[in-house]
Protein backbone atom coordinates (compact mmCIF):
# COMPACT_ATOMS: atom_id res chain seq x y z
CA MET A 1 -39.60 -69.78 75.01
CA TYR A 2 -40.05 -66.18 73.82
CA VAL A 3 -41.70 -64.08 76.52
CA HIS A 4 -44.29 -61.55 75.32
CA ASP A 5 -44.28 -58.07 76.78
CA ALA A 6 -47.19 -55.70 77.46
CA PHE A 7 -47.04 -54.26 73.93
CA ASP A 8 -47.34 -57.72 72.35
CA ARG A 9 -50.33 -58.58 74.51
CA ARG A 10 -52.10 -55.30 73.86
CA LEU A 11 -51.56 -55.53 70.10
CA ILE A 12 -53.10 -59.00 69.90
CA ALA A 13 -56.03 -58.09 72.17
CA GLU A 14 -56.85 -54.99 70.13
CA ARG A 15 -56.73 -56.99 66.92
CA VAL A 16 -59.26 -59.45 68.36
CA GLU A 17 -61.69 -56.67 69.21
CA GLU A 18 -61.29 -55.18 65.76
CA PHE A 19 -62.11 -58.57 64.21
CA ARG A 20 -65.06 -59.01 66.60
CA ASP A 21 -66.61 -55.88 65.11
CA GLN A 22 -65.91 -57.11 61.58
CA VAL A 23 -67.68 -60.41 62.32
CA ARG A 24 -70.61 -58.53 63.85
CA ARG A 25 -70.98 -56.52 60.65
CA ARG A 26 -70.74 -59.66 58.51
CA LEU A 27 -73.43 -61.43 60.53
CA SER A 28 -75.71 -58.38 60.39
CA GLY A 29 -75.31 -58.09 56.63
CA GLU A 30 -73.43 -54.80 56.70
CA LEU A 31 -70.57 -56.62 55.00
CA ASN A 32 -71.07 -59.18 52.24
CA GLU A 33 -68.72 -62.16 51.87
CA ASP A 34 -66.55 -60.46 49.28
CA GLU A 35 -66.08 -57.42 51.53
CA PHE A 36 -65.41 -59.64 54.54
CA LYS A 37 -62.95 -61.89 52.73
CA LEU A 38 -59.94 -59.56 52.86
CA LEU A 39 -60.57 -58.77 56.53
CA ARG A 40 -60.86 -62.41 57.60
CA LEU A 41 -57.84 -63.54 55.56
CA LEU A 42 -55.58 -61.10 57.40
CA ASN A 43 -56.68 -62.83 60.60
CA GLY A 44 -56.14 -66.39 59.39
CA VAL A 45 -59.77 -67.23 58.59
CA TYR A 46 -60.63 -69.20 55.43
CA LEU A 47 -63.99 -70.28 54.05
CA GLN A 48 -63.59 -73.97 53.17
CA LEU A 49 -65.92 -76.65 51.86
CA HIS A 50 -68.08 -77.08 54.95
CA ALA A 51 -67.22 -74.29 57.38
CA TYR A 52 -64.82 -71.49 58.22
CA MET A 53 -61.29 -72.59 59.06
CA LEU A 54 -59.08 -70.78 61.56
CA ARG A 55 -55.30 -70.99 61.12
CA ILE A 56 -53.14 -70.06 64.09
CA GLY A 57 -49.45 -69.32 63.63
CA ILE A 58 -46.87 -70.94 65.90
CA PRO A 59 -43.84 -68.68 65.38
CA TYR A 60 -40.70 -70.74 64.69
CA GLY A 61 -42.65 -73.79 65.87
CA THR A 62 -42.32 -73.16 69.61
CA LEU A 63 -45.25 -73.70 72.01
CA SER A 64 -45.49 -73.45 75.77
CA SER A 65 -47.54 -75.99 77.69
CA ALA A 66 -50.03 -73.21 78.50
CA GLN A 67 -50.42 -72.44 74.80
CA LEU A 68 -50.93 -76.10 73.91
CA ARG A 69 -53.60 -76.39 76.61
CA MET A 70 -55.34 -73.37 75.11
CA LEU A 71 -55.26 -75.00 71.67
CA ALA A 72 -56.87 -78.05 73.28
CA HIS A 73 -59.51 -75.80 74.86
CA VAL A 74 -60.32 -74.18 71.50
CA ALA A 75 -60.53 -77.60 69.84
CA ARG A 76 -62.89 -78.85 72.51
CA ARG A 77 -65.11 -75.80 72.96
CA TYR A 78 -65.34 -74.30 69.48
CA ASP A 79 -64.38 -77.11 67.09
CA ARG A 80 -64.90 -80.89 66.97
CA GLY A 81 -62.28 -81.89 69.50
CA TYR A 82 -59.09 -81.84 67.43
CA GLY A 83 -56.68 -79.62 65.53
CA HIS A 84 -54.50 -80.15 62.46
CA PHE A 85 -50.79 -79.26 62.54
CA THR A 86 -49.55 -78.11 59.13
CA THR A 87 -46.30 -78.14 57.16
CA ARG A 88 -45.61 -74.49 58.08
CA GLN A 89 -45.70 -74.68 61.87
CA ASN A 90 -49.36 -73.66 62.11
CA ILE A 91 -52.42 -75.34 63.56
CA GLN A 92 -55.80 -75.31 61.81
CA PHE A 93 -59.30 -75.68 63.22
CA HIS A 94 -61.70 -76.70 60.46
CA TRP A 95 -65.15 -76.50 62.04
CA ILE A 96 -65.38 -73.23 63.99
CA LYS A 97 -68.61 -71.27 63.51
CA LEU A 98 -68.24 -67.68 62.34
CA GLU A 99 -70.04 -66.29 65.38
CA ASP A 100 -67.62 -68.16 67.66
CA LEU A 101 -64.43 -66.98 66.00
CA PRO A 102 -63.94 -63.79 68.05
CA ASP A 103 -64.34 -65.65 71.35
CA ALA A 104 -61.92 -68.36 70.21
CA MET A 105 -59.42 -65.69 69.16
CA ALA A 106 -59.82 -63.87 72.48
CA ASP A 107 -59.08 -67.08 74.36
CA LEU A 108 -55.99 -67.69 72.22
CA ALA A 109 -54.82 -64.10 72.68
CA ARG A 110 -54.60 -64.66 76.44
CA VAL A 111 -51.61 -66.96 75.81
CA GLY A 112 -50.08 -64.95 72.96
CA LEU A 113 -51.48 -66.92 70.02
CA HIS A 114 -53.19 -65.41 66.99
CA GLY A 115 -53.87 -65.81 63.28
CA ILE A 116 -52.48 -62.46 62.12
CA GLN A 117 -50.89 -62.87 58.67
CA THR A 118 -51.32 -66.63 58.52
CA SER A 119 -53.19 -66.11 55.25
CA GLY A 120 -53.72 -63.44 52.61
CA ASN A 121 -51.10 -61.70 50.48
CA SER A 122 -48.83 -60.92 53.40
CA VAL A 123 -45.63 -62.19 54.99
CA ARG A 124 -46.67 -65.45 56.62
CA ASN A 125 -45.50 -67.18 59.79
CA VAL A 126 -41.68 -67.16 59.93
CA THR A 127 -40.54 -70.77 60.33
CA THR A 128 -37.38 -72.57 61.32
CA ASP A 129 -35.89 -75.84 62.54
CA GLN A 130 -38.10 -77.55 65.13
CA TRP A 131 -34.92 -78.47 67.05
CA ALA A 132 -33.81 -74.85 67.24
CA GLY A 133 -31.71 -74.03 70.29
CA VAL A 134 -31.00 -77.66 71.15
CA ALA A 135 -29.61 -79.19 67.95
CA PRO A 136 -25.95 -80.22 68.15
CA ASP A 137 -25.24 -79.13 64.56
CA GLU A 138 -26.46 -75.53 64.71
CA ILE A 139 -24.29 -72.42 64.92
CA GLU A 140 -26.75 -70.56 67.16
CA ASP A 141 -30.45 -70.47 67.96
CA PRO A 142 -32.23 -69.48 64.71
CA ARG A 143 -35.38 -68.44 66.58
CA VAL A 144 -33.71 -65.18 67.60
CA TRP A 145 -33.27 -64.20 63.95
CA ALA A 146 -36.74 -65.48 63.05
CA GLU A 147 -38.13 -63.24 65.79
CA VAL A 148 -36.12 -60.24 64.54
CA VAL A 149 -37.71 -60.69 61.12
CA ARG A 150 -41.16 -61.50 62.50
CA GLN A 151 -41.34 -58.33 64.55
CA HIS A 152 -40.40 -56.21 61.57
CA VAL A 153 -42.83 -57.65 59.02
CA THR A 154 -45.89 -58.12 61.26
CA LEU A 155 -48.47 -55.48 60.28
CA HIS A 156 -45.81 -53.60 58.31
CA PRO A 157 -47.89 -51.20 56.16
CA GLU A 158 -45.67 -51.63 53.11
CA PHE A 159 -45.88 -55.43 53.18
CA THR A 160 -49.49 -56.06 54.14
CA PHE A 161 -50.74 -56.24 50.53
CA MET A 162 -48.04 -58.05 48.58
CA PRO A 163 -48.53 -59.37 45.03
CA ARG A 164 -49.02 -62.80 46.66
CA LYS A 165 -48.28 -64.60 49.91
CA PHE A 166 -44.68 -64.59 51.08
CA LYS A 167 -43.01 -67.27 53.19
CA ILE A 168 -39.72 -66.91 55.08
CA ALA A 169 -37.63 -69.62 56.74
CA VAL A 170 -34.44 -69.40 58.80
CA GLY A 171 -31.88 -72.14 59.42
CA THR A 172 -28.57 -72.26 61.27
CA ALA A 173 -27.79 -76.00 61.29
CA ALA A 174 -25.66 -78.15 59.03
CA HIS A 175 -28.66 -80.36 58.29
CA ASP A 176 -31.65 -78.48 56.89
CA ARG A 177 -34.72 -79.39 58.94
CA ALA A 178 -36.60 -76.22 57.88
CA ALA A 179 -37.03 -76.99 54.14
CA LEU A 180 -35.27 -73.73 53.30
CA ARG A 181 -35.16 -74.03 49.53
CA ILE A 182 -38.91 -74.30 49.03
CA HIS A 183 -39.50 -70.86 50.60
CA ASP A 184 -39.88 -67.45 48.97
CA LEU A 185 -36.98 -66.21 51.08
CA ALA A 186 -34.58 -68.36 53.10
CA LEU A 187 -31.76 -67.33 55.41
CA ARG A 188 -29.07 -69.93 56.15
CA LEU A 189 -26.51 -68.99 58.79
CA HIS A 190 -23.02 -70.31 58.11
CA ARG A 191 -19.39 -69.31 58.67
CA ASN A 192 -17.06 -67.79 56.08
CA GLU A 193 -13.36 -68.56 55.72
CA ALA A 194 -12.56 -66.09 58.48
CA GLY A 195 -14.89 -67.90 60.87
CA GLU A 196 -17.47 -65.10 60.92
CA ALA A 197 -21.15 -66.03 60.99
CA GLY A 198 -23.40 -64.62 58.29
CA PHE A 199 -26.39 -65.52 56.14
CA GLU A 200 -26.65 -67.12 52.75
CA VAL A 201 -29.73 -65.51 51.20
CA MET A 202 -31.90 -67.63 48.90
CA VAL A 203 -34.98 -66.39 47.03
CA GLY A 204 -37.64 -67.70 44.70
CA GLY A 205 -38.45 -71.09 46.16
CA GLY A 206 -41.96 -72.44 46.14
CA LEU A 207 -44.03 -75.40 45.01
CA GLY A 208 -47.57 -75.31 43.63
CA ARG A 209 -48.38 -75.14 39.93
CA THR A 210 -44.83 -74.12 38.96
CA PRO A 211 -42.31 -75.51 41.43
CA PHE A 212 -38.88 -73.96 41.90
CA LEU A 213 -36.09 -74.33 44.42
CA ALA A 214 -34.76 -71.08 45.88
CA LYS A 215 -31.61 -69.64 44.31
CA THR A 216 -28.77 -67.97 46.17
CA ILE A 217 -28.50 -64.23 45.52
CA LYS A 218 -26.05 -63.42 48.30
CA GLN A 219 -23.56 -65.95 49.60
CA PHE A 220 -22.59 -64.10 52.77
CA LEU A 221 -24.58 -61.36 54.49
CA PRO A 222 -23.30 -60.01 57.85
CA LYS A 223 -25.78 -60.64 60.61
CA HIS A 224 -26.30 -56.97 61.41
CA ASP A 225 -27.52 -56.42 57.82
CA VAL A 226 -30.19 -59.10 57.82
CA LEU A 227 -33.17 -56.83 58.47
CA SER A 228 -32.26 -54.25 55.86
CA TYR A 229 -31.60 -56.97 53.29
CA VAL A 230 -34.92 -58.70 53.98
CA GLU A 231 -36.60 -55.32 53.53
CA ALA A 232 -34.78 -54.83 50.22
CA VAL A 233 -35.97 -58.22 48.96
CA LEU A 234 -39.56 -57.46 49.94
CA ARG A 235 -39.45 -53.99 48.36
CA THR A 236 -38.03 -55.40 45.14
CA TYR A 237 -40.74 -58.05 44.98
CA ASN A 238 -43.41 -55.48 45.79
CA GLN A 239 -42.17 -53.27 42.95
CA PHE A 240 -41.72 -55.88 40.23
CA GLY A 241 -44.12 -58.68 41.22
CA ARG A 242 -47.20 -59.10 39.04
CA ARG A 243 -50.63 -58.20 40.36
CA ASP A 244 -52.60 -58.90 37.18
CA ASN A 245 -52.32 -62.70 37.31
CA ALA A 246 -52.49 -64.63 40.57
CA TRP A 247 -50.81 -67.67 38.96
CA LYS A 248 -47.76 -65.60 38.03
CA ALA A 249 -47.60 -63.35 41.07
CA ARG A 250 -45.31 -65.37 43.36
CA ILE A 251 -41.70 -64.23 43.71
CA LYS A 252 -40.53 -67.56 42.25
CA ILE A 253 -41.98 -66.50 38.86
CA LEU A 254 -40.35 -63.09 39.09
CA VAL A 255 -36.96 -64.60 39.93
CA HIS A 256 -37.34 -67.14 37.13
CA ASP A 257 -38.36 -64.51 34.56
CA LEU A 258 -35.69 -61.95 35.51
CA GLY A 259 -33.05 -64.49 36.39
CA ALA A 260 -31.55 -64.83 39.86
CA GLU A 261 -28.55 -62.61 39.02
CA ALA A 262 -30.70 -59.79 37.68
CA PHE A 263 -33.09 -60.02 40.62
CA GLY A 264 -30.11 -59.99 42.97
CA ARG A 265 -28.80 -56.82 41.33
CA GLU A 266 -32.15 -55.10 41.87
CA VAL A 267 -32.12 -56.15 45.52
CA GLU A 268 -28.52 -54.98 45.93
CA GLN A 269 -29.35 -51.57 44.50
CA GLU A 270 -32.31 -51.19 46.86
CA TRP A 271 -30.27 -52.47 49.79
CA GLN A 272 -27.44 -50.01 49.25
CA SER A 273 -29.89 -47.15 49.76
CA ILE A 274 -31.09 -48.41 53.18
CA LYS A 275 -28.42 -50.67 54.68
CA ASP A 276 -26.76 -48.00 56.79
CA GLY A 277 -30.02 -46.51 58.03
CA ALA A 278 -32.39 -47.33 60.83
CA LEU A 279 -32.61 -51.02 59.89
CA ALA A 280 -28.93 -51.71 60.55
CA LEU A 281 -28.94 -53.94 63.62
CA ASP A 282 -26.57 -53.29 66.48
CA ASP A 283 -25.57 -55.89 69.04
CA ALA A 284 -27.80 -54.33 71.70
CA ALA A 285 -30.94 -54.66 69.55
CA VAL A 286 -30.30 -58.33 68.85
CA ALA A 287 -29.34 -58.97 72.47
CA GLU A 288 -32.62 -57.40 73.64
CA ILE A 289 -34.62 -59.87 71.56
CA ALA A 290 -32.37 -62.78 72.47
CA ALA A 291 -32.85 -61.96 76.16
CA ARG A 292 -36.58 -62.51 75.78
CA PHE A 293 -36.00 -66.20 75.11
CA ARG A 294 -36.04 -68.33 78.22
CA TYR A 295 -34.03 -71.56 78.42
CA PRO A 296 -34.29 -74.32 81.02
CA ASP A 297 -31.97 -74.51 83.99
CA TYR A 298 -30.14 -77.53 82.65
CA GLU A 299 -28.52 -79.97 85.04
CA ARG A 300 -25.03 -81.36 84.60
CA LEU A 301 -25.73 -84.90 83.42
CA ALA A 302 -23.85 -87.72 81.80
CA ASP A 303 -24.93 -89.42 78.59
CA ASP A 304 -26.42 -92.93 78.62
CA PRO A 305 -27.42 -93.17 82.29
CA VAL A 306 -27.95 -96.58 83.85
CA GLU A 307 -31.75 -96.19 83.80
CA LEU A 308 -31.71 -95.71 80.04
CA LYS A 309 -29.34 -98.58 79.34
CA GLU A 310 -31.42 -100.98 81.41
CA ALA A 311 -34.67 -99.90 79.77
CA ARG A 312 -33.26 -100.28 76.26
CA ALA A 313 -31.89 -103.70 77.05
CA GLY A 314 -35.00 -104.91 78.86
CA ASP A 315 -37.87 -103.67 76.68
CA ARG A 316 -37.76 -104.33 72.94
CA ARG A 317 -40.67 -101.99 72.17
CA PHE A 318 -38.96 -99.14 74.00
CA GLU A 319 -35.69 -99.82 72.18
CA THR A 320 -37.50 -99.75 68.84
CA TRP A 321 -39.16 -96.42 69.71
CA HIS A 322 -35.90 -94.98 71.05
CA ARG A 323 -34.11 -95.65 67.75
CA SER A 324 -36.96 -93.98 65.87
CA ALA A 325 -37.95 -91.01 67.99
CA VAL A 326 -34.97 -89.95 70.12
CA ALA A 327 -32.28 -87.60 68.79
CA ARG A 328 -29.11 -86.17 70.25
CA HIS A 329 -29.31 -82.94 72.25
CA ARG A 330 -26.54 -80.34 72.29
CA LEU A 331 -26.01 -81.07 75.99
CA PRO A 332 -24.96 -84.41 77.49
CA GLY A 333 -27.62 -86.30 79.41
CA TYR A 334 -30.49 -84.74 77.45
CA ALA A 335 -32.45 -85.80 74.37
CA ILE A 336 -34.88 -84.44 71.78
CA VAL A 337 -38.01 -86.59 71.49
CA THR A 338 -40.27 -86.59 68.42
CA LEU A 339 -43.95 -87.40 68.97
CA SER A 340 -45.45 -89.13 65.96
CA LEU A 341 -48.84 -87.76 64.87
CA LYS A 342 -48.95 -90.57 62.29
CA ALA A 343 -50.55 -93.52 64.06
CA GLU A 344 -51.82 -96.28 61.78
CA GLY A 345 -55.06 -95.31 60.05
CA GLU A 346 -55.16 -91.80 61.52
CA THR A 347 -55.05 -88.41 59.79
CA PRO A 348 -51.45 -87.16 59.53
CA GLY A 349 -50.89 -84.08 61.67
CA ASP A 350 -54.10 -84.33 63.69
CA ALA A 351 -54.07 -84.21 67.49
CA THR A 352 -57.13 -84.48 69.69
CA ALA A 353 -57.85 -82.10 72.54
CA ALA A 354 -57.21 -84.93 75.00
CA GLN A 355 -53.83 -85.64 73.40
CA MET A 356 -52.86 -81.96 73.45
CA ASP A 357 -53.76 -81.66 77.13
CA ALA A 358 -51.79 -84.79 77.96
CA ILE A 359 -48.76 -83.65 75.93
CA ALA A 360 -48.84 -80.29 77.74
CA ASP A 361 -48.77 -82.12 81.08
CA LEU A 362 -45.87 -84.30 79.90
CA ALA A 363 -44.01 -81.24 78.64
CA ASP A 364 -44.30 -79.70 82.10
CA ARG A 365 -43.03 -82.86 83.71
CA TYR A 366 -40.28 -83.83 81.28
CA SER A 367 -39.44 -80.92 78.90
CA SER A 368 -39.46 -77.67 80.90
CA GLY A 369 -42.95 -76.87 79.63
CA GLU A 370 -41.94 -76.59 75.97
CA ILE A 371 -43.22 -78.27 72.80
CA ARG A 372 -42.11 -77.87 69.19
CA VAL A 373 -43.96 -78.25 65.88
CA GLY A 374 -42.07 -79.46 62.80
CA HIS A 375 -42.85 -79.13 59.10
CA GLU A 376 -43.22 -82.92 58.95
CA GLN A 377 -46.46 -82.48 60.99
CA ASN A 378 -45.06 -84.06 64.14
CA LEU A 379 -44.42 -82.58 67.59
CA ALA A 380 -41.24 -82.67 69.66
CA LEU A 381 -40.20 -82.30 73.29
CA PRO A 382 -36.81 -80.56 73.17
CA HIS A 383 -35.48 -80.77 76.73
CA VAL A 384 -35.91 -84.35 77.99
CA ARG A 385 -33.45 -85.87 80.45
CA GLN A 386 -32.25 -89.22 79.14
CA GLN A 387 -33.03 -90.82 82.49
CA ASP A 388 -36.70 -89.88 81.96
CA LEU A 389 -37.07 -91.37 78.49
CA TYR A 390 -38.58 -94.67 79.59
CA PRO A 391 -41.43 -93.26 81.73
CA LEU A 392 -42.03 -90.60 79.08
CA TRP A 393 -42.33 -93.27 76.38
CA ARG A 394 -44.88 -95.22 78.42
CA ALA A 395 -46.98 -92.07 78.85
CA LEU A 396 -46.72 -91.16 75.15
CA ASP A 397 -47.62 -94.71 74.14
CA ALA A 398 -50.74 -94.55 76.31
CA ILE A 399 -52.07 -91.53 74.38
CA GLY A 400 -51.18 -92.80 70.89
CA VAL A 401 -48.24 -90.57 69.93
CA ALA A 402 -45.38 -93.09 70.28
CA THR A 403 -45.69 -94.91 66.96
CA PRO A 404 -42.06 -95.81 66.12
CA ASN A 405 -42.23 -94.58 62.54
CA VAL A 406 -40.49 -91.19 62.59
CA GLY A 407 -38.82 -90.70 59.21
CA LEU A 408 -40.09 -94.04 57.93
CA VAL A 409 -42.54 -94.93 55.17
CA SER A 410 -45.70 -94.39 57.26
CA ASP A 411 -44.55 -90.99 58.62
CA ILE A 412 -46.58 -89.40 55.84
CA ILE A 413 -47.04 -85.67 55.21
CA ALA A 414 -50.51 -84.86 53.86
CA CYS A 415 -52.73 -81.82 53.42
CA PRO A 416 -56.43 -81.98 54.40
CA GLY A 417 -57.39 -82.43 50.75
CA LEU A 418 -60.92 -82.72 49.41
CA ASP A 419 -62.31 -83.78 52.79
CA TYR A 420 -62.03 -80.11 53.86
CA CYS A 421 -60.48 -77.81 51.29
CA SER A 422 -62.51 -76.03 48.60
CA LEU A 423 -59.41 -75.82 46.38
CA ALA A 424 -58.67 -79.54 46.37
CA ASN A 425 -59.29 -81.86 43.44
CA ALA A 426 -58.90 -85.12 45.33
CA ARG A 427 -58.68 -86.64 48.79
CA SER A 428 -55.36 -86.86 50.61
CA ILE A 429 -56.29 -88.25 54.01
CA PRO A 430 -57.73 -91.63 52.88
CA ILE A 431 -54.65 -92.24 50.72
CA ALA A 432 -52.39 -91.59 53.71
CA GLN A 433 -54.51 -93.82 55.92
CA ASP A 434 -54.44 -96.65 53.39
CA LEU A 435 -50.66 -96.41 53.02
CA SER A 436 -50.14 -96.39 56.78
CA ARG A 437 -52.08 -99.67 56.95
CA ARG A 438 -50.20 -101.19 54.00
CA PHE A 439 -46.88 -100.48 55.72
CA ARG A 440 -47.94 -101.30 59.27
CA ASP A 441 -45.23 -103.97 59.53
CA GLY A 442 -42.59 -102.24 61.64
CA ASP A 443 -39.82 -104.63 60.65
CA LEU A 444 -40.49 -103.94 56.98
CA ALA A 445 -40.58 -100.18 57.55
CA ARG A 446 -37.27 -100.25 59.42
CA ASP A 447 -35.72 -102.37 56.68
CA LEU A 448 -36.81 -99.78 54.12
CA GLY A 449 -35.21 -97.03 56.20
CA ARG A 450 -35.78 -93.30 55.69
CA LEU A 451 -38.52 -92.88 53.10
CA HIS A 452 -40.73 -89.81 52.94
CA ILE A 453 -44.16 -89.89 51.29
CA ASN A 454 -45.87 -86.52 50.71
CA ILE A 455 -49.46 -86.14 49.51
CA SER A 456 -51.25 -83.04 48.15
CA GLY A 457 -54.91 -82.89 47.19
CA CYS A 458 -54.32 -80.23 44.53
CA ILE A 459 -51.64 -78.36 42.63
CA ASN A 460 -51.25 -75.80 45.45
CA ALA A 461 -48.99 -78.44 47.05
CA CYS A 462 -49.75 -77.86 50.72
CA GLY A 463 -48.52 -81.43 51.28
CA HIS A 464 -45.17 -80.57 49.62
CA HIS A 465 -45.49 -83.52 47.24
CA HIS A 466 -42.81 -82.11 44.92
CA VAL A 467 -40.13 -82.73 47.57
CA GLY A 468 -41.32 -86.09 48.83
CA HIS A 469 -39.09 -89.07 48.20
CA ILE A 470 -42.38 -90.34 46.81
CA GLY A 471 -44.80 -87.55 45.98
CA ILE A 472 -48.51 -87.98 45.31
CA LEU A 473 -50.65 -85.24 43.72
CA GLY A 474 -54.41 -85.42 43.42
CA VAL A 475 -55.86 -84.28 40.08
CA GLU A 476 -59.34 -84.37 38.56
CA LYS A 477 -60.03 -86.28 35.33
CA ASN A 478 -63.55 -86.32 33.97
CA GLY A 479 -64.99 -85.81 37.43
CA GLU A 480 -62.95 -88.60 39.03
CA GLU A 481 -60.00 -88.55 41.43
CA TYR A 482 -56.66 -89.42 39.86
CA TYR A 483 -53.14 -89.12 41.25
CA GLN A 484 -49.78 -88.27 39.72
CA VAL A 485 -46.76 -89.91 41.33
CA THR A 486 -43.24 -88.48 41.47
CA ILE A 487 -40.05 -89.87 42.97
CA GLY A 488 -36.67 -88.43 43.91
CA GLY A 489 -37.73 -85.26 45.70
CA ARG A 490 -36.20 -84.07 48.94
CA ALA A 491 -36.44 -80.92 51.11
CA ASP A 492 -33.14 -80.97 53.00
CA GLU A 493 -29.76 -79.32 52.24
CA GLU A 494 -29.61 -81.38 49.02
CA ALA A 495 -33.10 -80.32 47.96
CA GLU A 496 -34.47 -81.71 44.69
CA LEU A 497 -37.83 -81.71 42.95
CA GLY A 498 -39.30 -85.13 42.25
CA GLN A 499 -39.78 -86.47 38.72
CA LEU A 500 -43.02 -87.82 37.30
CA ILE A 501 -42.95 -91.57 36.69
CA GLY A 502 -45.95 -91.87 34.40
CA PRO A 503 -49.62 -91.02 33.78
CA ALA A 504 -51.97 -90.34 36.67
CA VAL A 505 -53.60 -93.39 38.23
CA PRO A 506 -57.10 -93.71 39.69
CA TYR A 507 -57.78 -93.48 43.43
CA GLY A 508 -57.96 -97.23 43.94
CA GLU A 509 -54.54 -97.85 42.38
CA VAL A 510 -52.41 -95.33 44.30
CA ALA A 511 -51.39 -97.56 47.18
CA ASN A 512 -50.58 -100.40 44.76
CA VAL A 513 -48.30 -98.10 42.77
CA VAL A 514 -46.47 -97.04 45.91
CA GLU A 515 -46.03 -100.68 46.91
CA ASP A 516 -44.59 -101.42 43.45
CA ILE A 517 -42.14 -98.52 43.78
CA VAL A 518 -41.05 -99.74 47.20
CA ALA A 519 -40.65 -103.32 45.93
CA ALA A 520 -38.51 -102.04 43.05
CA TYR A 521 -36.35 -100.12 45.50
CA VAL A 522 -35.73 -103.24 47.60
CA GLU A 523 -34.59 -105.10 44.49
CA LEU A 524 -32.46 -102.26 43.14
CA ARG A 525 -30.67 -100.93 46.22
CA GLU A 526 -26.99 -101.83 46.47
CA ARG A 527 -27.28 -102.92 50.10
CA PRO A 528 -29.90 -102.82 52.87
CA GLY A 529 -28.37 -99.59 54.23
CA GLU A 530 -28.83 -97.62 51.00
CA ILE A 531 -31.87 -95.41 51.54
CA PHE A 532 -34.53 -94.91 48.88
CA ILE A 533 -33.51 -91.40 47.84
CA ASP A 534 -29.89 -92.49 47.33
CA THR A 535 -30.98 -95.41 45.17
CA VAL A 536 -33.04 -93.08 42.97
CA LYS A 537 -30.13 -90.65 42.71
CA ARG A 538 -27.75 -93.46 41.73
CA ILE A 539 -29.84 -95.20 39.06
CA GLY A 540 -32.42 -92.60 38.00
CA ILE A 541 -36.19 -93.03 37.71
CA GLU A 542 -36.38 -95.25 34.60
CA PRO A 543 -36.14 -98.60 36.44
CA PHE A 544 -38.98 -97.51 38.70
CA LYS A 545 -41.09 -96.39 35.74
CA GLU A 546 -40.55 -99.75 34.07
CA ARG A 547 -41.69 -101.59 37.21
CA VAL A 548 -44.83 -99.52 37.61
CA HIS A 549 -45.75 -99.61 33.91
CA ALA A 550 -45.31 -103.37 33.81
CA THR A 551 -47.97 -103.89 36.47
CA HIS A 552 -50.47 -101.07 35.75
């Protein structure tokens, strides 16, 4: 956990009081909605279909048990008893009244949470791998570098009013669990031939109306140059990014129009003028930030303790969950546990106040008081002793977050869609709920293997449908809800954008189309172990198109 100091706490508290006055003026009529809009967006407040929505950033996806309990308190006292975890390591509350927002923010500020720069044309929440610091395949904890960047860009006067929103992700592991290539700027730590660690810098990723994967503009950046180089990228975008057309204002359009090489040259020129200045990081500066992260006092344990072996052998349900939800930890005797927020028929990413309170208690008991949020809209406990997995599973099962579907067909990513969002064209949640019921058969889901379904209710792509193995996009046709379906997308280190398999289908046909795609996959795979995305890569999308067109 990162430990806030007195400056952090004072900054957040002062921002709350500033916003309290802004709300007072809005309620009194001194500010109209247009005047209030810019002020509320910089504090993470949206006006949606039915109410204001508050988005709270969870930097690099790390929560303490105290912070999760406060989120539960806000859900219970100011909202309707639940919160929605998003694809960018945020949580959203969709029903808070405007007059209650300052009090909710003040409560959150007491535990170091806020909505600063979670919306608006600013640098958004800096995200990373939800297994950061405990993953066996990482070079070092990426949260340190995410925090270095976060501190620099938060309330930075030069980057508060960008041409459009700007999203940064950091990764240091061999397997990309942070969806790096769909971000405006991504930093991937790796080692060069000399064994030195440095960053690959990728720019221009993003989904929405015009999807692009980020392109590499610098293959190896020394770690001490990361802050100056990030600044150079932001300055270059600020200078050349369009402000006359919101649809063409994202950095992905700029990189596409200029070309990655030309954009990289502009960044390099800017960087050369600042790289040896005040933004050059020395070891002491990085060490000071790294020292503010607290790690558990790990015990010396052996892998596969007797308690775990007996539980796996004696309880089939536990064994099924263990294979789905438990991952290797960097230390022997420990495990990373994913909590599925995708129970059958429920809204993907939602957690009730009661669940959040219970998870906080379990984190204290089994995970050194720490919880993680991943871009797949699930939670994780990163420090669980293997000998505690069985009692932990029983407790998780009792509160509905132990569905053994992590990474499987019903582990669906979905935005709130037309049920909440004023930008949406179609519903996302009912489609996800229907699909989770269609694929409730656990044996079938496990036979299908890793299969990611992503659903967005509009072209803004908050559900990341472009990079779903199966992607579903809601569109409007003559006042009715229709859905485009893509296949072949992925968001990992082999990131690809999905390809459209045919015309949009009406709401009532979506689940049938997905079932047809899945049935085609079962027939076309080389062997039961070949996962869906590999089958699509091997044979292309035409056989799937033929199957769907033959039945619809």
